[in-house]
């Protein structure tokens, strides 16, 4: 998989037919050459783009691909027949369905005019790049989390669709989760992984966990909650299985249970009948919403979501040369990204919940 490397930036950020060596003769107001500054920008972008896939929350949710569509099994298996001496068994095949993965374009104008660049100081340009890199990280994480909670199907082309997790047949009534007789039998097209579970309780979490387990997903599971609801999830009066992570400043008793999860973004574990749930909180998610999903590890193809990218552009942002250039190669430069997020091959790998007494799930606004 390609990410933007430090050696690739000049082919995008320098206009066609420019002599790269000439950049060593163009200086900022503060004395640095454009060539030196562009090399620093290249390194900053390369690090930022690599961080997109290093993000522990996101890389456990996604895999990456350049393919425009996925195909997967649907319904029950055909089964064996009792053999006879002269008879031949009926030929059988697996039923498959599929959906498409989006590829969207994002850009951001740097607004570096000729007059500005003629007087620009290094600190001003560095601040602009830092601001743009922050926007790269924001759109990446926001888009992934938004697709996770989104129950809508997105039209691609004239008739293609990027579909959500199992939604009761709204997006595609031909999709039927694969039967798991050992864990509860077969499913219908009406099977739904978008739930309105009223209240943050152990019982509601157990319901969601069972909805993953019955499809063959074994724990541990990941529980992504709203930062606003941390106190509710850590309240053992309602969430009886909650176990906190250890704090290095606290000495615990010998009989105290502590969660064995590493990393500053984990806030604990909840024990359930079907496996433990590791808890992460994120302020982008509004109160009363939470997601439970099965992660198979960093960028594993079995993870719930799939990120499609343009192989020619790589994963992450490019700094493109602007138009109407008078003198400076970065006049009106544009930051550019191409990627899209869709559900992977397993539409039962996540359960999305909204604490609503009315019994209706509605999509959250991810900030």
Protein backbone atom coordinates (compact mmCIF):
# COMPACT_ATOMS: atom_id res chain seq x y z
CA UNK A 1 0.00 0.00 0.00
CA UNK A 2 1.38 3.40 -0.96
CA UNK A 3 1.75 6.40 1.29
CA UNK A 4 3.20 9.70 0.16
CA UNK A 5 6.96 9.53 0.62
CA UNK A 6 9.41 12.34 1.18
CA UNK A 7 10.82 11.95 -2.33
CA UNK A 8 7.47 12.28 -4.08
CA UNK A 9 6.31 15.74 -3.02
CA UNK A 10 8.12 17.81 -5.64
CA UNK A 11 6.47 16.00 -8.53
CA UNK A 12 3.11 17.28 -7.24
CA UNK A 13 4.01 20.60 -5.62
CA UNK A 14 6.20 21.96 -8.43
CA UNK A 15 4.50 23.04 -11.65
CA UNK A 16 5.30 21.18 -14.84
CA UNK A 17 8.50 22.35 -16.60
CA UNK A 18 9.88 24.04 -13.50
CA UNK A 19 13.55 23.49 -12.73
CA UNK A 20 13.76 22.15 -9.21
CA UNK A 21 17.27 23.54 -8.84
CA UNK A 22 15.87 27.04 -9.29
CA UNK A 23 14.11 26.65 -5.95
CA UNK A 24 17.46 27.00 -4.23
CA UNK A 25 17.59 30.59 -5.55
CA UNK A 26 14.12 31.58 -4.27
CA UNK A 27 14.15 32.67 -0.66
CA UNK A 28 11.58 33.38 1.99
CA UNK A 29 11.50 36.69 3.79
CA UNK A 30 13.24 35.00 6.73
CA UNK A 31 16.10 33.75 4.56
CA UNK A 32 15.35 30.05 3.98
CA UNK A 33 15.22 28.75 0.45
CA UNK A 34 12.02 27.26 -0.99
CA UNK A 35 13.94 24.06 -1.68
CA UNK A 36 14.82 23.59 2.00
CA UNK A 37 11.33 24.50 3.16
CA UNK A 38 9.70 22.17 0.63
CA UNK A 39 11.87 19.30 1.88
CA UNK A 40 10.66 19.99 5.41
CA UNK A 41 7.05 20.05 4.22
CA UNK A 42 7.62 16.75 2.44
CA UNK A 43 8.87 15.10 5.62
CA UNK A 44 5.99 16.55 7.65
CA UNK A 45 3.42 15.23 5.16
CA UNK A 46 5.06 11.82 5.03
CA UNK A 47 4.93 11.54 8.82
CA UNK A 48 1.33 12.74 8.93
CA UNK A 49 0.23 10.28 6.25
CA UNK A 50 1.94 7.39 8.03
CA UNK A 51 0.19 8.41 11.25
CA UNK A 52 -3.17 7.88 9.56
CA UNK A 53 -2.55 4.14 9.44
CA UNK A 54 -0.77 4.09 12.80
CA UNK A 55 -3.81 5.49 14.62
CA UNK A 56 -4.75 2.65 17.03
CA UNK A 57 -8.47 3.43 16.96
CA UNK A 58 -8.72 3.60 13.17
CA UNK A 59 -6.34 0.80 12.16
CA UNK A 60 -8.30 -1.67 14.29
CA UNK A 61 -11.49 -0.70 12.49
CA UNK A 62 -10.33 -0.76 8.87
CA UNK A 63 -8.46 -2.54 6.15
CA UNK A 64 -7.37 -0.82 2.93
CA UNK A 65 -7.93 -1.67 -0.71
CA UNK A 66 -7.88 -0.25 -4.23
CA UNK A 67 -10.76 -2.49 -5.32
CA UNK A 68 -14.09 -0.75 -6.04
CA UNK A 69 -16.36 -3.51 -4.71
CA UNK A 70 -16.63 -6.49 -2.34
CA UNK A 71 -18.52 -9.78 -2.70
CA UNK A 72 -19.48 -12.19 0.07
CA UNK A 73 -21.63 -15.19 1.02
CA UNK A 74 -25.29 -14.84 1.89
CA UNK A 75 -27.85 -17.16 3.48
CA UNK A 76 -27.66 -20.80 4.58
CA UNK A 77 -25.30 -23.48 3.34
CA UNK A 78 -26.64 -26.25 1.09
CA UNK A 79 -25.74 -29.27 3.22
CA UNK A 80 -24.96 -32.90 2.44
CA UNK A 81 -27.28 -35.58 1.13
CA UNK A 82 -27.33 -39.22 2.16
CA UNK A 83 -25.37 -41.11 -0.47
CA UNK A 84 -26.85 -43.91 -2.57
CA UNK A 85 -25.02 -46.52 -4.62
CA UNK A 86 -26.04 -45.34 -8.08
CA UNK A 87 -27.43 -41.89 -7.51
CA UNK A 88 -25.53 -38.64 -7.89
CA UNK A 89 -25.93 -35.74 -5.45
CA UNK A 90 -27.50 -32.50 -6.60
CA UNK A 91 -25.01 -29.83 -7.62
CA UNK A 92 -24.99 -26.87 -5.24
CA UNK A 93 -23.33 -23.50 -5.06
CA UNK A 94 -23.05 -20.74 -2.49
CA UNK A 95 -25.18 -17.62 -2.87
CA UNK A 96 -23.26 -14.34 -2.95
CA UNK A 97 -24.16 -10.68 -2.81
CA UNK A 98 -21.98 -7.59 -2.79
CA UNK A 99 -21.71 -3.84 -2.66
CA UNK A 100 -19.44 -1.06 -3.83
CA UNK A 101 -16.88 1.04 -2.00
CA UNK A 102 -16.87 4.82 -2.45
CA UNK A 103 -13.93 6.92 -3.59
CA UNK A 104 -14.28 10.60 -2.77
CA UNK A 105 -12.13 13.66 -3.43
CA UNK A 106 -11.22 16.22 -0.79
CA UNK A 107 -9.26 19.42 -1.28
CA UNK A 108 -8.17 22.43 0.73
CA UNK A 109 -6.88 25.71 -0.70
CA UNK A 110 -3.80 27.07 1.06
CA UNK A 111 -4.48 30.66 -0.02
CA UNK A 112 -0.84 31.48 -0.58
CA UNK A 113 -0.99 34.48 -2.88
CA UNK A 114 1.94 36.01 -4.71
CA UNK A 115 1.93 39.04 -2.41
CA UNK A 116 1.84 36.85 0.69
CA UNK A 117 4.65 34.58 -0.47
CA UNK A 118 6.83 37.53 -1.41
CA UNK A 119 6.80 38.57 2.27
CA UNK A 120 6.11 35.24 3.99
CA UNK A 121 8.07 34.26 7.05
CA UNK A 122 8.90 30.64 7.84
CA UNK A 123 6.74 30.68 10.97
CA UNK A 124 3.68 31.73 8.96
CA UNK A 125 4.13 28.98 6.37
CA UNK A 126 4.81 26.36 9.05
CA UNK A 127 1.62 27.35 10.83
CA UNK A 128 -0.36 26.96 7.61
CA UNK A 129 1.10 23.50 6.97
CA UNK A 130 0.47 22.41 10.56
CA UNK A 131 -3.13 23.58 10.26
CA UNK A 132 -3.61 21.68 6.99
CA UNK A 133 -2.06 18.51 8.43
CA UNK A 134 -4.47 18.71 11.36
CA UNK A 135 -7.31 18.92 8.83
CA UNK A 136 -5.96 15.79 7.10
CA UNK A 137 -6.12 13.85 10.36
CA UNK A 138 -9.57 15.24 11.17
CA UNK A 139 -11.22 14.33 7.85
CA UNK A 140 -9.67 10.85 7.98
CA UNK A 141 -10.92 9.99 11.48
CA UNK A 142 -14.27 11.73 11.05
CA UNK A 143 -15.03 9.88 7.80
CA UNK A 144 -14.19 6.47 9.27
CA UNK A 145 -16.27 6.97 12.44
CA UNK A 146 -19.14 8.46 10.45
CA UNK A 147 -19.36 5.37 8.19
CA UNK A 148 -19.30 3.13 11.26
CA UNK A 149 -22.46 4.70 12.70
CA UNK A 150 -24.19 5.53 9.39
CA UNK A 151 -27.25 3.39 8.66
CA UNK A 152 -27.77 4.86 5.18
CA UNK A 153 -26.86 3.34 1.83
CA UNK A 154 -24.89 5.68 -0.46
CA UNK A 155 -25.55 5.56 -4.21
CA UNK A 156 -22.46 5.07 -6.39
CA UNK A 157 -22.87 5.70 -10.10
CA UNK A 158 -26.32 5.03 -11.51
CA UNK A 159 -27.19 1.86 -9.61
CA UNK A 160 -24.33 0.89 -7.28
CA UNK A 161 -24.54 1.15 -3.50
CA UNK A 162 -22.25 1.45 -0.54
CA UNK A 163 -24.31 -0.24 2.15
CA UNK A 164 -24.25 -0.14 5.97
CA UNK A 165 -24.00 -3.04 8.38
CA UNK A 166 -27.01 -5.39 8.49
CA UNK A 167 -29.95 -2.99 8.60
CA UNK A 168 -33.06 -5.13 8.40
CA UNK A 169 -33.08 -5.33 4.63
CA UNK A 170 -33.50 -1.61 3.95
CA UNK A 171 -30.33 -1.22 1.86
CA UNK A 172 -30.42 -4.67 0.24
CA UNK A 173 -33.20 -7.16 0.95
CA UNK A 174 -31.25 -9.91 -0.86
CA UNK A 175 -28.57 -9.95 1.85
CA UNK A 176 -29.06 -12.65 4.51
CA UNK A 177 -26.36 -13.24 7.15
CA UNK A 178 -24.68 -16.62 6.90
CA UNK A 179 -26.39 -19.19 9.12
CA UNK A 180 -24.59 -20.28 12.31
CA UNK A 181 -26.55 -23.29 13.64
CA UNK A 182 -24.19 -23.81 16.58
CA UNK A 183 -24.87 -20.29 17.82
CA UNK A 184 -28.56 -19.78 17.24
CA UNK A 185 -29.60 -20.99 13.83
CA UNK A 186 -30.35 -19.11 10.64
CA UNK A 187 -31.12 -15.44 10.05
CA UNK A 188 -33.54 -13.55 7.83
CA UNK A 189 -32.99 -10.51 5.63
CA UNK A 190 -34.70 -8.50 8.41
CA UNK A 191 -31.76 -9.09 10.76
CA UNK A 192 -30.65 -5.71 12.14
CA UNK A 193 -27.43 -4.48 13.74
CA UNK A 194 -28.67 -0.92 14.34
CA UNK A 195 -30.31 -1.00 17.75
CA UNK A 196 -32.20 1.41 19.98
CA UNK A 197 -31.23 0.13 23.43
CA UNK A 198 -32.57 2.43 26.10
CA UNK A 199 -29.95 3.13 28.72
CA UNK A 200 -26.31 2.35 29.41
CA UNK A 201 -26.65 -0.94 31.26
CA UNK A 202 -25.00 -4.32 31.52
CA UNK A 203 -28.11 -5.96 30.04
CA UNK A 204 -28.08 -3.77 26.93
CA UNK A 205 -24.39 -4.42 26.37
CA UNK A 206 -24.99 -8.16 26.77
CA UNK A 207 -27.67 -7.92 24.07
CA UNK A 208 -25.22 -6.27 21.66
CA UNK A 209 -22.44 -8.74 22.45
CA UNK A 210 -24.77 -11.67 21.78
CA UNK A 211 -25.59 -10.08 18.41
CA UNK A 212 -21.90 -10.33 17.49
CA UNK A 213 -21.22 -13.69 19.07
CA UNK A 214 -24.10 -15.44 17.29
CA UNK A 215 -22.40 -14.66 13.94
CA UNK A 216 -19.21 -16.44 14.95
CA UNK A 217 -17.31 -13.45 16.36
CA UNK A 218 -15.51 -14.37 19.57
CA UNK A 219 -14.20 -11.89 22.09
CA UNK A 220 -12.49 -9.75 22.96
CA UNK A 221 -14.64 -7.01 21.47
CA UNK A 222 -14.07 -3.27 21.15
CA UNK A 223 -16.59 -0.85 22.63
CA UNK A 224 -16.40 2.70 21.28
CA UNK A 225 -18.37 5.19 23.38
CA UNK A 226 -19.00 8.91 23.61
CA UNK A 227 -16.60 10.79 25.83
CA UNK A 228 -19.66 12.47 27.36
CA UNK A 229 -20.87 9.09 28.65
CA UNK A 230 -17.71 7.84 30.37
CA UNK A 231 -19.14 8.24 33.85
CA UNK A 232 -22.18 6.15 32.89
CA UNK A 233 -20.07 3.31 31.48
CA UNK A 234 -17.77 3.24 34.53
CA UNK A 235 -20.69 3.20 36.99
CA UNK A 236 -20.74 -0.38 38.28
CA UNK A 237 -24.26 0.08 39.63
CA UNK A 238 -25.58 -0.18 36.06
CA UNK A 239 -22.60 -1.68 34.19
CA UNK A 240 -21.81 -4.42 36.66
CA UNK A 241 -19.01 -5.98 34.61
CA UNK A 242 -16.86 -2.84 34.39
CA UNK A 243 -13.21 -3.25 35.39
CA UNK A 244 -10.90 -0.19 35.37
CA UNK A 245 -7.41 0.05 33.95
CA UNK A 246 -4.61 0.33 36.51
CA UNK A 247 -3.28 3.75 37.48
CA UNK A 248 0.47 3.87 38.24
CA UNK A 249 -0.16 6.34 41.10
CA UNK A 250 -2.50 3.98 42.95
CA UNK A 251 -1.53 0.93 45.02
CA UNK A 252 -4.22 -1.71 44.64
CA UNK A 253 -5.22 -4.49 47.02
CA UNK A 254 -4.49 -8.12 46.25
CA UNK A 255 -8.19 -8.83 45.62
CA UNK A 256 -8.71 -5.95 43.18
CA UNK A 257 -9.49 -6.83 39.54
CA UNK A 258 -7.78 -4.62 36.96
CA UNK A 259 -8.13 -4.56 33.18
CA UNK A 260 -5.09 -5.96 31.35
CA UNK A 261 -5.21 -3.56 28.40
CA UNK A 262 -2.25 -1.43 27.36
CA UNK A 263 -2.37 2.09 25.98
CA UNK A 264 -3.48 5.50 27.23
CA UNK A 265 -6.72 5.53 25.20
CA UNK A 266 -8.26 2.48 26.93
CA UNK A 267 -10.48 3.32 29.89
CA UNK A 268 -11.27 -0.18 31.04
CA UNK A 269 -12.97 -3.47 30.20
CA UNK A 270 -16.51 -4.77 30.66
CA UNK A 271 -16.94 -8.49 31.30
CA UNK A 272 -19.93 -10.14 29.60
CA UNK A 273 -21.26 -13.67 29.25
CA UNK A 274 -19.70 -14.00 25.78
CA UNK A 275 -16.42 -12.15 26.13
CA UNK A 276 -14.69 -9.03 27.38
CA UNK A 277 -15.23 -5.60 25.80
CA UNK A 278 -12.33 -3.14 25.70
CA UNK A 279 -13.55 0.44 26.07
CA UNK A 280 -12.42 3.49 24.13
CA UNK A 281 -14.02 6.93 24.30
CA UNK A 282 -14.11 9.58 21.59
CA UNK A 283 -15.52 13.10 21.78
CA UNK A 284 -16.56 13.05 18.11
CA UNK A 285 -19.40 10.72 19.05
CA UNK A 286 -22.45 12.44 20.59
CA UNK A 287 -23.91 11.33 23.89
CA UNK A 288 -26.08 8.20 23.98
CA UNK A 289 -24.34 6.55 20.99
CA UNK A 290 -21.95 3.61 21.12
CA UNK A 291 -20.50 0.99 18.81
CA UNK A 292 -19.50 -2.58 19.56
CA UNK A 293 -17.35 -4.35 16.98
CA UNK A 294 -14.90 -7.16 16.43
CA UNK A 295 -11.39 -6.05 15.54
CA UNK A 296 -8.93 -8.60 14.19
CA UNK A 297 -5.91 -6.33 14.51
CA UNK A 298 -4.09 -3.63 12.60
CA UNK A 299 -5.46 -3.28 9.04
CA UNK A 300 -6.72 -6.88 9.00
CA UNK A 301 -8.96 -7.63 6.01
CA UNK A 302 -11.60 -9.04 8.40
CA UNK A 303 -12.01 -5.69 10.20
CA UNK A 304 -15.48 -4.08 9.97
CA UNK A 305 -14.67 -1.21 7.58
CA UNK A 306 -12.71 -0.94 4.37
CA UNK A 307 -10.94 2.18 3.09
CA UNK A 308 -10.61 2.48 -0.67
CA UNK A 309 -7.83 4.66 -2.04
CA UNK A 310 -6.37 5.65 -5.39
CA UNK A 311 -3.23 3.63 -6.01
CA UNK A 312 -1.67 6.47 -8.01
CA UNK A 313 -2.14 8.96 -5.17
CA UNK A 314 -1.50 6.70 -2.20
CA UNK A 315 -3.03 7.01 1.25
CA UNK A 316 -2.97 10.48 2.71
CA UNK A 317 -2.61 14.02 1.42
CA UNK A 318 -0.69 15.57 -1.46
CA UNK A 319 0.34 19.18 -1.85
CA UNK A 320 -0.57 20.09 -5.43
CA UNK A 321 0.80 23.02 -7.39
CA UNK A 322 -1.67 25.83 -7.80
CA UNK A 323 -2.68 27.68 -10.95
CA UNK A 324 -2.09 31.32 -11.97
CA UNK A 325 1.50 31.19 -10.74
CA UNK A 326 3.47 34.39 -11.19
CA UNK A 327 6.75 33.67 -9.46
CA UNK A 328 6.53 31.30 -6.51
CA UNK A 329 5.88 27.58 -7.08
CA UNK A 330 3.41 27.28 -4.22
CA UNK A 331 1.08 30.13 -5.14
CA UNK A 332 -2.53 28.96 -4.60
CA UNK A 333 -1.33 25.46 -3.67
CA UNK A 334 -4.00 22.86 -2.85
CA UNK A 335 -3.94 20.02 -0.36
CA UNK A 336 -5.59 16.96 -1.98
CA UNK A 337 -6.90 13.61 -0.69
CA UNK A 338 -8.68 10.69 -2.40
CA UNK A 339 -10.29 8.00 -0.27
CA UNK A 340 -13.63 6.54 0.68
CA UNK A 341 -14.88 4.37 3.54
CA UNK A 342 -17.32 1.49 3.22
CA UNK A 343 -18.38 -1.61 5.10
CA UNK A 344 -16.23 -4.68 4.52
CA UNK A 345 -17.26 -8.19 3.53
CA UNK A 346 -18.83 -8.99 6.90
CA UNK A 347 -21.90 -6.85 7.49
CA UNK A 348 -22.38 -8.40 10.94
CA UNK A 349 -19.01 -7.33 12.37
CA UNK A 350 -20.42 -4.34 14.30
CA UNK A 351 -23.49 -3.40 16.33
CA UNK A 352 -24.43 0.28 16.54
CA UNK A 353 -26.60 1.53 19.37
CA UNK A 354 -28.53 4.64 20.37
CA UNK A 355 -29.99 4.98 23.85
CA UNK A 356 -33.52 5.91 22.85
CA UNK A 357 -36.69 5.13 24.79
CA UNK A 358 -38.74 5.36 21.61
CA UNK A 359 -37.09 2.31 20.12
CA UNK A 360 -35.76 4.01 16.97
CA UNK A 361 -32.14 4.29 15.81
CA UNK A 362 -31.18 7.54 14.08
CA UNK A 363 -27.78 8.43 12.67
CA UNK A 364 -25.57 10.64 14.86
CA UNK A 365 -23.75 13.74 13.70
CA UNK A 366 -20.05 12.97 13.98
CA UNK A 367 -18.02 16.10 14.64
